[in-house]
C-alpha atoms as a PDB file:
ATOM      1  CA  MET A   1      23.194   1.708 -25.344  1.00  0.00           C
ATOM      2  CA  ASN A   2      21.441  -0.752 -27.328  1.00  0.00           C
ATOM      3  CA  VAL A   3      19.387  -1.914 -24.624  1.00  0.00           C
ATOM      4  CA  LYS A   4      18.874  -5.349 -26.287  1.00  0.00           C
ATOM      5  CA  GLU A   5      22.420  -6.420 -25.748  1.00  0.00           C
ATOM      6  CA  ALA A   6      22.520  -4.675 -22.270  1.00  0.00           C
ATOM      7  CA  ILE A   7      19.715  -6.363 -20.921  1.00  0.00           C
ATOM      8  CA  PRO A   8      21.567  -9.422 -19.013  1.00  0.00           C
ATOM      9  CA  GLU A   9      20.820 -12.977 -19.321  1.00  0.00           C
ATOM     10  CA  ARG A  10      20.517 -13.320 -15.518  1.00  0.00           C
ATOM     11  CA  PHE A  11      19.381 -11.191 -13.263  1.00  0.00           C
ATOM     12  CA  SER A  12      21.296  -8.193 -12.539  1.00  0.00           C
ATOM     13  CA  LYS A  13      20.062  -5.646 -10.424  1.00  0.00           C
ATOM     14  CA  GLU A  14      23.277  -3.359 -10.749  1.00  0.00           C
ATOM     15  CA  LYS A  15      22.347  -3.515 -14.552  1.00  0.00           C
ATOM     16  CA  PHE A  16      18.519  -2.877 -14.659  1.00  0.00           C
ATOM     17  CA  ALA A  17      19.556   0.259 -12.424  1.00  0.00           C
ATOM     18  CA  ILE A  18      21.849   0.837 -15.328  1.00  0.00           C
ATOM     19  CA  ILE A  19      19.261   0.790 -18.204  1.00  0.00           C
ATOM     20  CA  ILE A  20      16.432   2.874 -15.942  1.00  0.00           C
ATOM     21  CA  ASP A  21      19.235   5.388 -15.139  1.00  0.00           C
ATOM     22  CA  TRP A  22      19.811   5.749 -18.970  1.00  0.00           C
ATOM     23  CA  ILE A  23      16.490   5.824 -19.755  1.00  0.00           C
ATOM     24  CA  ASP A  24      16.028   8.489 -17.681  1.00  0.00           C
ATOM     25  CA  GLY A  25      12.198   9.303 -18.460  1.00  0.00           C
ATOM     26  CA  ASN A  26      13.608   9.581 -22.294  1.00  0.00           C
ATOM     27  CA  PRO A  27      10.647   8.254 -24.392  1.00  0.00           C
ATOM     28  CA  ALA A  28      12.684   7.356 -27.422  1.00  0.00           C
ATOM     29  CA  ARG A  29      14.869   5.381 -25.078  1.00  0.00           C
ATOM     30  CA  PHE A  30      11.948   3.858 -23.218  1.00  0.00           C
ATOM     31  CA  ASP A  31      10.702   2.981 -26.772  1.00  0.00           C
ATOM     32  CA  GLU A  32      13.596   1.022 -27.037  1.00  0.00           C
ATOM     33  CA  LEU A  33      12.909  -0.799 -23.908  1.00  0.00           C
ATOM     34  CA  MET A  34       9.760  -2.103 -25.388  1.00  0.00           C
ATOM     35  CA  THR A  35      10.586  -3.149 -28.525  1.00  0.00           C
ATOM     36  CA  VAL A  36      12.443  -5.559 -26.637  1.00  0.00           C
ATOM     37  CA  PHE A  37       9.461  -6.015 -24.255  1.00  0.00           C
ATOM     38  CA  PHE A  38       7.267  -6.890 -27.160  1.00  0.00           C
ATOM     39  CA  GLU A  39       9.634  -8.432 -29.563  1.00  0.00           C
ATOM     40  CA  GLY A  40      12.747 -10.078 -27.429  1.00  0.00           C
ATOM     41  CA  ASP A  41      13.673 -13.655 -26.775  1.00  0.00           C
ATOM     42  CA  SER A  42      11.822 -14.839 -23.652  1.00  0.00           C
ATOM     43  CA  ARG A  43      14.459 -13.898 -21.121  1.00  0.00           C
ATOM     44  CA  LYS A  44      14.871 -10.950 -22.264  1.00  0.00           C
ATOM     45  CA  ASN A  45      11.208  -9.958 -22.401  1.00  0.00           C
ATOM     46  CA  GLN A  46      10.643 -10.850 -19.023  1.00  0.00           C
ATOM     47  CA  HIS A  47      14.008  -8.980 -17.603  1.00  0.00           C
ATOM     48  CA  ALA A  48      12.323  -5.823 -20.026  1.00  0.00           C
ATOM     49  CA  ALA A  49       9.196  -6.457 -18.022  1.00  0.00           C
ATOM     50  CA  ASN A  50      10.907  -5.719 -15.088  1.00  0.00           C
ATOM     51  CA  ILE A  51      13.119  -2.890 -16.249  1.00  0.00           C
ATOM     52  CA  MET A  52       9.581  -1.407 -17.368  1.00  0.00           C
ATOM     53  CA  SER A  53       8.079  -1.913 -13.950  1.00  0.00           C
ATOM     54  CA  HIS A  54      10.153   0.319 -12.385  1.00  0.00           C
ATOM     55  CA  CYS A  55      10.268   2.626 -15.138  1.00  0.00           C
ATOM     56  CA  ILE A  56       6.939   3.266 -14.948  1.00  0.00           C
ATOM     57  CA  ASP A  57       7.634   3.792 -10.914  1.00  0.00           C
ATOM     58  CA  ARG A  58       9.714   6.717 -11.953  1.00  0.00           C
ATOM     59  CA  TRP A  59       7.788   8.216 -15.174  1.00  0.00           C
ATOM     60  CA  SER A  60       4.528   6.619 -15.521  1.00  0.00           C
ATOM     61  CA  PHE A  61       3.794   9.161 -18.457  1.00  0.00           C
ATOM     62  CA  LEU A  62       6.246   7.064 -20.540  1.00  0.00           C
ATOM     63  CA  ILE A  63       3.298   4.046 -20.489  1.00  0.00           C
ATOM     64  CA  MET A  64       0.249   5.817 -21.951  1.00  0.00           C
ATOM     65  CA  PRO A  65       1.463   5.204 -25.540  1.00  0.00           C
ATOM     66  CA  TYR A  66       1.478   1.567 -24.764  1.00  0.00           C
ATOM     67  CA  ILE A  67      -1.706   0.686 -22.688  1.00  0.00           C
ATOM     68  CA  GLU A  68      -3.266  -0.937 -25.448  1.00  0.00           C
ATOM     69  CA  LYS A  69      -0.439  -2.955 -26.985  1.00  0.00           C
ATOM     70  CA  MET A  70       0.317  -4.232 -23.594  1.00  0.00           C
ATOM     71  CA  LEU A  71      -3.567  -5.410 -23.121  1.00  0.00           C
ATOM     72  CA  LEU A  72      -3.676  -7.267 -25.917  1.00  0.00           C
ATOM     73  CA  ASN A  73      -0.104  -8.606 -25.319  1.00  0.00           C
ATOM     74  CA  LEU A  74      -1.703 -10.184 -22.365  1.00  0.00           C
ATOM     75  CA  LYS A  75      -3.821 -12.162 -24.578  1.00  0.00           C
ATOM     76  CA  GLN A  76      -1.392 -14.642 -25.945  1.00  0.00           C
ATOM     77  CA  ASP A  77      -1.300 -18.304 -24.852  1.00  0.00           C
ATOM     78  CA  ASN A  78       1.708 -19.532 -22.723  1.00  0.00           C
ATOM     79  CA  LEU A  79       3.024 -15.965 -21.563  1.00  0.00           C
ATOM     80  CA  HIS A  80       5.537 -15.712 -18.909  1.00  0.00           C
ATOM     81  CA  ASP A  81       4.535 -15.044 -15.141  1.00  0.00           C
ATOM     82  CA  ALA A  82       6.835 -12.568 -15.057  1.00  0.00           C
ATOM     83  CA  ILE A  83       5.369 -10.505 -18.329  1.00  0.00           C
ATOM     84  CA  LYS A  84       1.796 -10.810 -16.829  1.00  0.00           C
ATOM     85  CA  ARG A  85       2.880  -9.785 -13.374  1.00  0.00           C
ATOM     86  CA  ASN A  86       4.863  -6.610 -14.222  1.00  0.00           C
ATOM     87  CA  THR A  87       2.162  -5.457 -17.031  1.00  0.00           C
ATOM     88  CA  ILE A  88      -0.453  -5.585 -14.316  1.00  0.00           C
ATOM     89  CA  ARG A  89       1.182  -4.041 -11.799  1.00  0.00           C
ATOM     90  CA  VAL A  90       1.761  -1.123 -14.323  1.00  0.00           C
ATOM     91  CA  LEU A  91      -1.597  -1.126 -14.924  1.00  0.00           C
ATOM     92  CA  GLN A  92      -2.583  -0.798 -11.272  1.00  0.00           C
ATOM     93  CA  THR A  93      -0.835   2.761 -11.005  1.00  0.00           C
ATOM     94  CA  VAL A  94      -2.071   4.130 -14.351  1.00  0.00           C
ATOM     95  CA  GLU A  95      -5.116   5.796 -15.546  1.00  0.00           C
ATOM     96  CA  ILE A  96      -6.338   3.109 -18.103  1.00  0.00           C
ATOM     97  CA  PRO A  97      -7.819   5.169 -21.327  1.00  0.00           C
ATOM     98  CA  GLU A  98     -11.726   4.888 -21.092  1.00  0.00           C
ATOM     99  CA  GLU A  99     -11.775   2.904 -24.303  1.00  0.00           C
ATOM    100  CA  LEU A 100      -9.812   0.111 -22.983  1.00  0.00           C
ATOM    101  CA  HIS A 101     -11.497  -0.496 -19.464  1.00  0.00           C
ATOM    102  CA  GLY A 102     -13.810  -3.670 -20.967  1.00  0.00           C
ATOM    103  CA  ILE A 103     -10.604  -5.632 -22.326  1.00  0.00           C
ATOM    104  CA  ALA A 104      -8.565  -4.492 -18.837  1.00  0.00           C
ATOM    105  CA  ALA A 105     -11.817  -5.639 -16.839  1.00  0.00           C
ATOM    106  CA  ASP A 106     -12.124  -9.175 -19.153  1.00  0.00           C
ATOM    107  CA  ILE A 107      -8.432 -10.056 -18.549  1.00  0.00           C
ATOM    108  CA  CYS A 108      -8.409  -8.997 -14.944  1.00  0.00           C
ATOM    109  CA  PHE A 109     -11.123 -11.215 -14.159  1.00  0.00           C
ATOM    110  CA  GLN A 110      -9.757 -14.175 -16.334  1.00  0.00           C
ATOM    111  CA  TYR A 111      -6.784 -14.210 -14.134  1.00  0.00           C
ATOM    112  CA  LEU A 112      -8.305 -13.594 -10.836  1.00  0.00           C
ATOM    113  CA  SER A 113     -10.911 -16.479 -11.826  1.00  0.00           C
ATOM    114  CA  ASN A 114      -8.446 -18.909 -12.361  1.00  0.00           C
ATOM    115  CA  HIS A 115      -7.170 -21.016  -9.801  1.00  0.00           C
ATOM    116  CA  GLU A 116      -3.527 -21.766 -11.270  1.00  0.00           C
ATOM    117  CA  GLU A 117      -2.535 -17.980 -11.777  1.00  0.00           C
ATOM    118  CA  ALA A 118       0.278 -16.481  -9.320  1.00  0.00           C
ATOM    119  CA  VAL A 119      -0.843 -14.607  -6.131  1.00  0.00           C
ATOM    120  CA  ALA A 120       0.985 -11.361  -7.234  1.00  0.00           C
ATOM    121  CA  ILE A 121      -0.660 -11.054 -10.366  1.00  0.00           C
ATOM    122  CA  LYS A 122      -4.036 -12.016  -8.899  1.00  0.00           C
ATOM    123  CA  ALA A 123      -3.433  -9.195  -6.358  1.00  0.00           C
ATOM    124  CA  PHE A 124      -2.483  -6.677  -9.053  1.00  0.00           C
ATOM    125  CA  SER A 125      -5.824  -7.835 -11.031  1.00  0.00           C
ATOM    126  CA  MET A 126      -7.546  -7.021  -7.812  1.00  0.00           C
ATOM    127  CA  THR A 127      -6.268  -3.716  -7.926  1.00  0.00           C
ATOM    128  CA  VAL A 128      -6.928  -2.729 -11.313  1.00  0.00           C
ATOM    129  CA  LEU A 129     -10.729  -4.305 -10.947  1.00  0.00           C
ATOM    130  CA  SER A 130     -10.817  -2.093  -7.820  1.00  0.00           C
ATOM    131  CA  ASN A 131      -9.479   0.783  -9.912  1.00  0.00           C
ATOM    132  CA  LEU A 132     -12.338   0.377 -12.617  1.00  0.00           C
ATOM    133  CA  SER A 133     -14.866  -0.523 -10.147  1.00  0.00           C
ATOM    134  CA  LYS A 134     -14.852   3.539  -9.526  1.00  0.00           C
ATOM    135  CA  HIS A 135     -16.056   4.250 -13.025  1.00  0.00           C
ATOM    136  CA  TYR A 136     -18.367   0.823 -13.252  1.00  0.00           C
ATOM    137  CA  PRO A 137     -19.976  -0.005 -10.293  1.00  0.00           C
ATOM    138  CA  GLU A 138     -22.070  -3.183 -11.354  1.00  0.00           C
ATOM    139  CA  LEU A 139     -18.274  -4.600 -11.270  1.00  0.00           C
ATOM    140  CA  LYS A 140     -18.043  -4.261  -7.600  1.00  0.00           C
ATOM    141  CA  SER A 141     -21.032  -7.066  -6.834  1.00  0.00           C
ATOM    142  CA  GLU A 142     -18.804  -9.525  -9.461  1.00  0.00           C
ATOM    143  CA  LEU A 143     -15.370  -8.329  -8.025  1.00  0.00           C
ATOM    144  CA  LYS A 144     -16.774  -9.367  -4.373  1.00  0.00           C
ATOM    145  CA  PHE A 145     -18.132 -12.545  -4.984  1.00  0.00           C
ATOM    146  CA  ILE A 146     -14.889 -14.011  -6.522  1.00  0.00           C
ATOM    147  CA  LEU A 147     -12.737 -12.135  -3.583  1.00  0.00           C
ATOM    148  CA  GLU A 148     -15.553 -14.240  -1.170  1.00  0.00           C
ATOM    149  CA  GLU A 149     -15.192 -17.215  -2.872  1.00  0.00           C
ATOM    150  CA  GLN A 150     -11.654 -17.555  -3.081  1.00  0.00           C
ATOM    151  CA  LEU A 151     -10.868 -15.883   0.301  1.00  0.00           C
ATOM    152  CA  PRO A 152     -10.655 -19.310   2.724  1.00  0.00           C
ATOM    153  CA  TYR A 153      -8.424 -20.939  -0.048  1.00  0.00           C
ATOM    154  CA  GLN A 154      -5.446 -18.149  -0.737  1.00  0.00           C
ATOM    155  CA  SER A 155      -2.591 -17.493   0.586  1.00  0.00           C
ATOM    156  CA  PRO A 156      -1.986 -14.758   3.196  1.00  0.00           C
ATOM    157  CA  ALA A 157      -0.495 -12.370   0.276  1.00  0.00           C
ATOM    158  CA  PHE A 158      -4.146 -12.849  -1.612  1.00  0.00           C
ATOM    159  CA  LYS A 159      -6.192 -12.440   1.738  1.00  0.00           C
ATOM    160  CA  ASN A 160      -4.310  -9.280   2.940  1.00  0.00           C
ATOM    161  CA  ARG A 161      -5.172  -7.555  -0.485  1.00  0.00           C
ATOM    162  CA  ALA A 162      -8.401  -9.173  -0.718  1.00  0.00           C
ATOM    163  CA  LEU A 163     -10.074  -7.825   2.506  1.00  0.00           C
ATOM    164  CA  LYS A 164      -8.127  -4.345   1.899  1.00  0.00           C
ATOM    165  CA  ILE A 165     -10.098  -4.225  -1.466  1.00  0.00           C
ATOM    166  CA  LEU A 166     -13.335  -6.108   0.319  1.00  0.00           C
ATOM    167  CA  ASN A 167     -12.857  -2.995   2.429  1.00  0.00           C
ATOM    168  CA  GLN A 168     -13.161  -0.289   0.276  1.00  0.00           C
ATOM    169  CA  LEU A 169     -15.977  -1.726  -1.970  1.00  0.00           C
END
């Protein structure tokens, strides 16, 4: 299968499922998907991000070689929300290598502090930061401050996640 050609221009749950089943935990096939994720056109990148996220739900080990490149990718300007959302969604579920903790924390604090950022990106960033605060307790006070500051002005989804994280802190 040529993954780039198989990814449809329009969202298709059925076609995405076929690609996910084809990948089937195979690192070489997953690499083909990640090539599209990093190098494809805008629509293909977005769909590859969605497929990647669902693959990692099944085979989390596949993402380990790409974490640094994914974090560096998040530093691009004008990155589509689908790329940010799916990348941070994955990062909340895996063990980020220690040498990348700083860059992950910086990116997630930027997303969380940005009032224009989408709620899902903020919610996933909260979880990444909460996970990192287990290694770096000094992050807890900054995370708590930002969450409490934004809590009154945010959506129910934000409030729900923020209150759960505040209780954990």
